[in-house]
Amino acid sequence: MPARSERLFSYGTLQQENVQLATFGRLLDGGADALVGFAQRTVVITDPDVIAKSGKTQHPIVVRTGEDADRVPGMVFAVTAAELAAADAYEVDDYARIVVTLASGMQAWVYVAK
């Protein structure tokens, strides 16, 4: 089994089993956590491959507010570097991947609004 050296926080479609199977070829292992200082919005998706995988034309997206009271719940997953690259390919151009510190104190990658 490959090493799972990266952490990826998801508040949206990467939590869906069908998206995980289509993107990573497996179900991800993870636990609940929260993104602090961000608020959730919605973005319209036009990429037909992403719509086919998620089954949705609107996806959640987060924007930084800097307010500690703003929290976005989600899941933090252990992934390989190759799986992180697959997640990059799945996400549309509206998103940028950054490192954040979650409510638990754990650092993880997350996709935020560009």
N, C-alpha and C. Protein backbone atom coordinates (compact mmCIF):
# COMPACT_ATOMS: atom_id res chain seq x y z
N MET A 1 0.85 -1.19 0.00
CA MET A 1 0.00 0.00 0.00
C MET A 1 0.89 1.24 0.00
N PRO A 2 0.61 2.22 -0.88
CA PRO A 2 1.44 3.41 -0.95
C PRO A 2 1.32 4.29 0.30
N ALA A 3 2.39 5.02 0.58
CA ALA A 3 2.38 5.92 1.74
C ALA A 3 1.40 7.05 1.53
N ARG A 4 0.70 7.42 2.58
CA ARG A 4 -0.27 8.52 2.53
C ARG A 4 0.36 9.70 3.28
N SER A 5 1.19 10.46 2.56
CA SER A 5 1.99 11.48 3.22
C SER A 5 1.37 12.88 3.17
N GLU A 6 0.28 13.02 2.45
CA GLU A 6 -0.37 14.33 2.33
C GLU A 6 -1.72 14.30 3.04
N ARG A 7 -2.18 15.50 3.44
CA ARG A 7 -3.53 15.63 4.00
C ARG A 7 -4.31 16.59 3.11
N LEU A 8 -5.56 16.24 2.86
CA LEU A 8 -6.43 17.04 2.00
C LEU A 8 -7.74 17.27 2.73
N PHE A 9 -8.10 18.54 2.95
CA PHE A 9 -9.38 18.88 3.60
C PHE A 9 -10.41 19.11 2.52
N SER A 10 -11.58 18.48 2.67
CA SER A 10 -12.68 18.68 1.73
C SER A 10 -13.92 19.11 2.47
N TYR A 11 -14.58 20.12 1.92
CA TYR A 11 -15.86 20.61 2.43
C TYR A 11 -16.95 20.38 1.39
N GLY A 12 -16.59 19.74 0.27
CA GLY A 12 -17.53 19.63 -0.84
C GLY A 12 -17.53 18.25 -1.49
N THR A 13 -17.48 18.25 -2.83
CA THR A 13 -17.74 17.03 -3.59
C THR A 13 -16.67 15.96 -3.41
N LEU A 14 -15.46 16.31 -2.98
CA LEU A 14 -14.45 15.28 -2.75
C LEU A 14 -14.79 14.39 -1.56
N GLN A 15 -15.85 14.74 -0.82
CA GLN A 15 -16.35 13.86 0.24
C GLN A 15 -17.29 12.78 -0.31
N GLN A 16 -17.78 12.97 -1.53
CA GLN A 16 -18.73 12.02 -2.12
C GLN A 16 -18.00 10.74 -2.54
N GLU A 17 -18.57 9.58 -2.18
CA GLU A 17 -17.94 8.31 -2.52
C GLU A 17 -17.76 8.15 -4.02
N ASN A 18 -18.78 8.55 -4.81
CA ASN A 18 -18.67 8.39 -6.27
C ASN A 18 -17.55 9.25 -6.84
N VAL A 19 -17.34 10.44 -6.30
CA VAL A 19 -16.26 11.31 -6.76
C VAL A 19 -14.91 10.73 -6.36
N GLN A 20 -14.80 10.20 -5.15
CA GLN A 20 -13.54 9.58 -4.71
C GLN A 20 -13.19 8.39 -5.59
N LEU A 21 -14.15 7.53 -5.87
CA LEU A 21 -13.88 6.37 -6.71
C LEU A 21 -13.47 6.79 -8.11
N ALA A 22 -14.14 7.79 -8.69
CA ALA A 22 -13.83 8.25 -10.04
C ALA A 22 -12.49 8.99 -10.10
N THR A 23 -12.13 9.68 -9.03
CA THR A 23 -10.92 10.51 -9.03
C THR A 23 -9.69 9.75 -8.53
N PHE A 24 -9.88 8.93 -7.49
CA PHE A 24 -8.74 8.26 -6.84
C PHE A 24 -8.73 6.74 -7.01
N GLY A 25 -9.86 6.19 -7.46
CA GLY A 25 -9.94 4.74 -7.61
C GLY A 25 -10.12 4.01 -6.30
N ARG A 26 -10.43 4.74 -5.23
CA ARG A 26 -10.66 4.14 -3.91
C ARG A 26 -11.43 5.13 -3.05
N LEU A 27 -11.94 4.63 -1.93
CA LEU A 27 -12.55 5.50 -0.93
C LEU A 27 -11.46 5.99 0.01
N LEU A 28 -11.49 7.27 0.34
CA LEU A 28 -10.45 7.87 1.18
C LEU A 28 -10.73 7.64 2.66
N ASP A 29 -9.65 7.53 3.44
CA ASP A 29 -9.74 7.45 4.90
C ASP A 29 -9.64 8.87 5.45
N GLY A 30 -10.52 9.21 6.39
CA GLY A 30 -10.45 10.56 6.92
C GLY A 30 -11.26 10.73 8.18
N GLY A 31 -11.25 11.97 8.68
CA GLY A 31 -12.00 12.30 9.88
C GLY A 31 -12.52 13.72 9.81
N ALA A 32 -13.50 14.01 10.63
CA ALA A 32 -14.13 15.32 10.65
C ALA A 32 -13.17 16.38 11.18
N ASP A 33 -13.26 17.57 10.61
CA ASP A 33 -12.47 18.72 11.06
C ASP A 33 -13.20 19.97 10.54
N ALA A 34 -12.59 21.13 10.70
CA ALA A 34 -13.22 22.36 10.23
C ALA A 34 -12.15 23.34 9.77
N LEU A 35 -12.52 24.13 8.79
CA LEU A 35 -11.68 25.19 8.25
C LEU A 35 -12.08 26.48 8.95
N VAL A 36 -11.14 27.14 9.60
CA VAL A 36 -11.41 28.33 10.40
C VAL A 36 -11.03 29.58 9.61
N GLY A 37 -11.89 30.61 9.69
CA GLY A 37 -11.59 31.87 9.04
C GLY A 37 -11.99 31.91 7.57
N PHE A 38 -12.90 31.01 7.19
CA PHE A 38 -13.41 30.94 5.82
C PHE A 38 -14.93 30.83 5.85
N ALA A 39 -15.57 31.26 4.77
CA ALA A 39 -17.02 31.12 4.62
C ALA A 39 -17.29 30.41 3.29
N GLN A 40 -18.35 29.63 3.27
CA GLN A 40 -18.69 28.86 2.08
C GLN A 40 -19.61 29.63 1.15
N ARG A 41 -19.34 29.55 -0.14
CA ARG A 41 -20.15 30.12 -1.20
C ARG A 41 -20.45 29.02 -2.22
N THR A 42 -20.99 29.39 -3.37
CA THR A 42 -21.28 28.43 -4.44
C THR A 42 -20.67 28.92 -5.74
N VAL A 43 -20.16 27.98 -6.54
CA VAL A 43 -19.61 28.30 -7.85
C VAL A 43 -20.31 27.41 -8.88
N VAL A 44 -20.62 27.97 -10.05
CA VAL A 44 -21.25 27.21 -11.13
C VAL A 44 -20.15 26.48 -11.90
N ILE A 45 -20.34 25.19 -12.10
CA ILE A 45 -19.38 24.33 -12.79
C ILE A 45 -19.86 24.12 -14.23
N THR A 46 -18.94 24.29 -15.19
CA THR A 46 -19.29 24.06 -16.59
C THR A 46 -18.50 22.91 -17.20
N ASP A 47 -17.46 22.42 -16.51
CA ASP A 47 -16.64 21.33 -17.02
C ASP A 47 -17.45 20.03 -17.04
N PRO A 48 -17.70 19.45 -18.24
CA PRO A 48 -18.57 18.28 -18.33
C PRO A 48 -18.03 17.07 -17.57
N ASP A 49 -16.70 16.91 -17.50
CA ASP A 49 -16.13 15.77 -16.77
C ASP A 49 -16.39 15.89 -15.27
N VAL A 50 -16.22 17.09 -14.75
CA VAL A 50 -16.47 17.32 -13.31
C VAL A 50 -17.95 17.15 -13.00
N ILE A 51 -18.81 17.64 -13.87
CA ILE A 51 -20.26 17.47 -13.66
C ILE A 51 -20.63 15.99 -13.70
N ALA A 52 -20.02 15.24 -14.63
CA ALA A 52 -20.30 13.80 -14.72
C ALA A 52 -19.87 13.07 -13.45
N LYS A 53 -18.72 13.43 -12.89
CA LYS A 53 -18.22 12.78 -11.68
C LYS A 53 -19.05 13.14 -10.46
N SER A 54 -19.40 14.42 -10.33
CA SER A 54 -20.08 14.89 -9.11
C SER A 54 -21.60 14.80 -9.20
N GLY A 55 -22.12 14.85 -10.43
CA GLY A 55 -23.57 14.88 -10.61
C GLY A 55 -24.17 16.24 -10.30
N LYS A 56 -23.32 17.28 -10.21
CA LYS A 56 -23.80 18.61 -9.81
C LYS A 56 -23.21 19.69 -10.70
N THR A 57 -24.01 20.72 -10.97
CA THR A 57 -23.52 21.87 -11.73
C THR A 57 -23.12 23.03 -10.82
N GLN A 58 -23.42 22.92 -9.54
CA GLN A 58 -23.00 23.93 -8.57
C GLN A 58 -22.24 23.22 -7.46
N HIS A 59 -21.04 23.75 -7.16
CA HIS A 59 -20.20 23.18 -6.12
C HIS A 59 -19.93 24.23 -5.05
N PRO A 60 -19.69 23.79 -3.82
CA PRO A 60 -19.28 24.75 -2.80
C PRO A 60 -17.86 25.24 -3.07
N ILE A 61 -17.58 26.46 -2.64
CA ILE A 61 -16.25 27.04 -2.71
C ILE A 61 -16.11 27.91 -1.46
N VAL A 62 -14.90 28.06 -0.95
CA VAL A 62 -14.71 28.87 0.26
C VAL A 62 -13.87 30.09 -0.04
N VAL A 63 -14.16 31.16 0.71
CA VAL A 63 -13.40 32.41 0.63
C VAL A 63 -12.90 32.75 2.03
N ARG A 64 -11.69 33.30 2.08
CA ARG A 64 -11.10 33.66 3.37
C ARG A 64 -11.80 34.91 3.92
N THR A 65 -12.24 34.83 5.17
CA THR A 65 -12.81 35.99 5.85
C THR A 65 -11.87 36.52 6.93
N GLY A 66 -11.02 35.63 7.46
CA GLY A 66 -10.12 36.01 8.54
C GLY A 66 -10.80 36.06 9.90
N GLU A 67 -12.09 35.76 9.95
CA GLU A 67 -12.85 35.80 11.21
C GLU A 67 -12.85 34.41 11.85
N ASP A 68 -12.36 34.31 13.08
CA ASP A 68 -12.32 33.01 13.79
C ASP A 68 -13.70 32.39 13.94
N ALA A 69 -14.74 33.21 13.98
CA ALA A 69 -16.09 32.69 14.14
C ALA A 69 -16.59 31.99 12.88
N ASP A 70 -15.97 32.27 11.73
CA ASP A 70 -16.37 31.64 10.47
C ASP A 70 -15.69 30.28 10.36
N ARG A 71 -16.50 29.24 10.26
CA ARG A 71 -15.97 27.88 10.17
C ARG A 71 -16.73 27.11 9.11
N VAL A 72 -16.01 26.30 8.36
CA VAL A 72 -16.60 25.44 7.34
C VAL A 72 -16.29 24.00 7.73
N PRO A 73 -17.32 23.19 8.05
CA PRO A 73 -17.09 21.81 8.42
C PRO A 73 -16.72 20.97 7.20
N GLY A 74 -15.99 19.90 7.45
CA GLY A 74 -15.63 18.99 6.37
C GLY A 74 -14.86 17.80 6.89
N MET A 75 -14.12 17.19 5.99
CA MET A 75 -13.34 16.00 6.32
C MET A 75 -11.89 16.22 5.88
N VAL A 76 -10.95 15.72 6.69
CA VAL A 76 -9.54 15.73 6.31
C VAL A 76 -9.16 14.29 5.96
N PHE A 77 -8.57 14.12 4.77
CA PHE A 77 -8.25 12.80 4.25
C PHE A 77 -6.74 12.62 4.10
N ALA A 78 -6.27 11.40 4.31
CA ALA A 78 -4.89 11.03 4.02
C ALA A 78 -4.82 10.61 2.57
N VAL A 79 -3.93 11.26 1.80
CA VAL A 79 -3.79 10.97 0.37
C VAL A 79 -2.31 10.88 0.00
N THR A 80 -2.04 10.26 -1.13
CA THR A 80 -0.68 10.20 -1.66
C THR A 80 -0.43 11.45 -2.50
N ALA A 81 0.81 11.68 -2.87
CA ALA A 81 1.14 12.79 -3.75
C ALA A 81 0.44 12.62 -5.10
N ALA A 82 0.36 11.38 -5.59
CA ALA A 82 -0.33 11.12 -6.87
C ALA A 82 -1.82 11.43 -6.75
N GLU A 83 -2.42 11.10 -5.62
CA GLU A 83 -3.84 11.39 -5.42
C GLU A 83 -4.07 12.90 -5.31
N LEU A 84 -3.14 13.61 -4.71
CA LEU A 84 -3.25 15.07 -4.64
C LEU A 84 -3.20 15.66 -6.05
N ALA A 85 -2.36 15.11 -6.90
CA ALA A 85 -2.30 15.55 -8.30
C ALA A 85 -3.61 15.24 -9.02
N ALA A 86 -4.23 14.10 -8.70
CA ALA A 86 -5.53 13.75 -9.30
C ALA A 86 -6.60 14.72 -8.84
N ALA A 87 -6.54 15.15 -7.58
CA ALA A 87 -7.48 16.14 -7.07
C ALA A 87 -7.28 17.47 -7.79
N ASP A 88 -6.03 17.84 -8.04
CA ASP A 88 -5.74 19.07 -8.79
C ASP A 88 -6.40 19.01 -10.17
N ALA A 89 -6.32 17.85 -10.82
CA ALA A 89 -6.90 17.70 -12.15
C ALA A 89 -8.43 17.77 -12.10
N TYR A 90 -9.02 17.29 -11.01
CA TYR A 90 -10.48 17.30 -10.85
C TYR A 90 -11.01 18.71 -10.64
N GLU A 91 -10.33 19.50 -9.83
CA GLU A 91 -10.82 20.84 -9.49
C GLU A 91 -10.71 21.78 -10.68
N VAL A 92 -11.72 22.63 -10.88
CA VAL A 92 -11.74 23.56 -12.00
C VAL A 92 -10.91 24.81 -11.67
N ASP A 93 -10.74 25.67 -12.66
CA ASP A 93 -9.85 26.83 -12.54
C ASP A 93 -10.30 27.87 -11.52
N ASP A 94 -11.52 27.76 -11.02
CA ASP A 94 -11.99 28.72 -10.00
C ASP A 94 -11.30 28.50 -8.66
N TYR A 95 -10.67 27.32 -8.49
CA TYR A 95 -10.08 26.94 -7.21
C TYR A 95 -8.55 27.05 -7.25
N ALA A 96 -7.98 27.36 -6.10
CA ALA A 96 -6.53 27.32 -5.89
C ALA A 96 -6.28 26.45 -4.66
N ARG A 97 -5.22 25.64 -4.69
CA ARG A 97 -4.90 24.77 -3.54
C ARG A 97 -3.88 25.48 -2.66
N ILE A 98 -4.21 25.59 -1.37
CA ILE A 98 -3.32 26.23 -0.39
C ILE A 98 -3.21 25.34 0.84
N VAL A 99 -2.20 25.58 1.67
CA VAL A 99 -2.06 24.90 2.96
C VAL A 99 -2.72 25.76 4.03
N VAL A 100 -3.50 25.11 4.89
CA VAL A 100 -4.17 25.79 5.99
C VAL A 100 -3.96 25.00 7.28
N THR A 101 -4.18 25.66 8.40
CA THR A 101 -4.23 24.97 9.69
C THR A 101 -5.69 24.85 10.06
N LEU A 102 -6.13 23.62 10.27
CA LEU A 102 -7.54 23.33 10.57
C LEU A 102 -7.83 23.57 12.05
N ALA A 103 -9.10 23.48 12.41
CA ALA A 103 -9.52 23.69 13.80
C ALA A 103 -8.79 22.74 14.76
N SER A 104 -8.46 21.54 14.29
CA SER A 104 -7.76 20.55 15.11
C SER A 104 -6.30 20.89 15.34
N GLY A 105 -5.77 21.86 14.56
CA GLY A 105 -4.35 22.19 14.61
C GLY A 105 -3.55 21.48 13.52
N MET A 106 -4.19 20.56 12.83
CA MET A 106 -3.55 19.81 11.75
C MET A 106 -3.41 20.70 10.51
N GLN A 107 -2.30 20.55 9.80
CA GLN A 107 -2.14 21.27 8.53
C GLN A 107 -2.59 20.37 7.40
N ALA A 108 -3.26 20.98 6.41
CA ALA A 108 -3.76 20.22 5.27
C ALA A 108 -3.88 21.14 4.07
N TRP A 109 -3.90 20.53 2.89
CA TRP A 109 -4.23 21.24 1.66
C TRP A 109 -5.73 21.44 1.59
N VAL A 110 -6.15 22.55 0.99
CA VAL A 110 -7.58 22.79 0.75
C VAL A 110 -7.71 23.63 -0.52
N TYR A 111 -8.82 23.44 -1.22
CA TYR A 111 -9.10 24.24 -2.42
C TYR A 111 -9.99 25.41 -2.02
N VAL A 112 -9.53 26.62 -2.34
CA VAL A 112 -10.25 27.85 -2.01
C VAL A 112 -10.49 28.65 -3.28
N ALA A 113 -11.32 29.68 -3.20
CA ALA A 113 -11.56 30.55 -4.36
C ALA A 113 -10.28 31.27 -4.73
N LYS A 114 -10.01 31.31 -6.04
CA LYS A 114 -8.81 32.04 -6.52
C LYS A 114 -8.97 33.52 -6.28
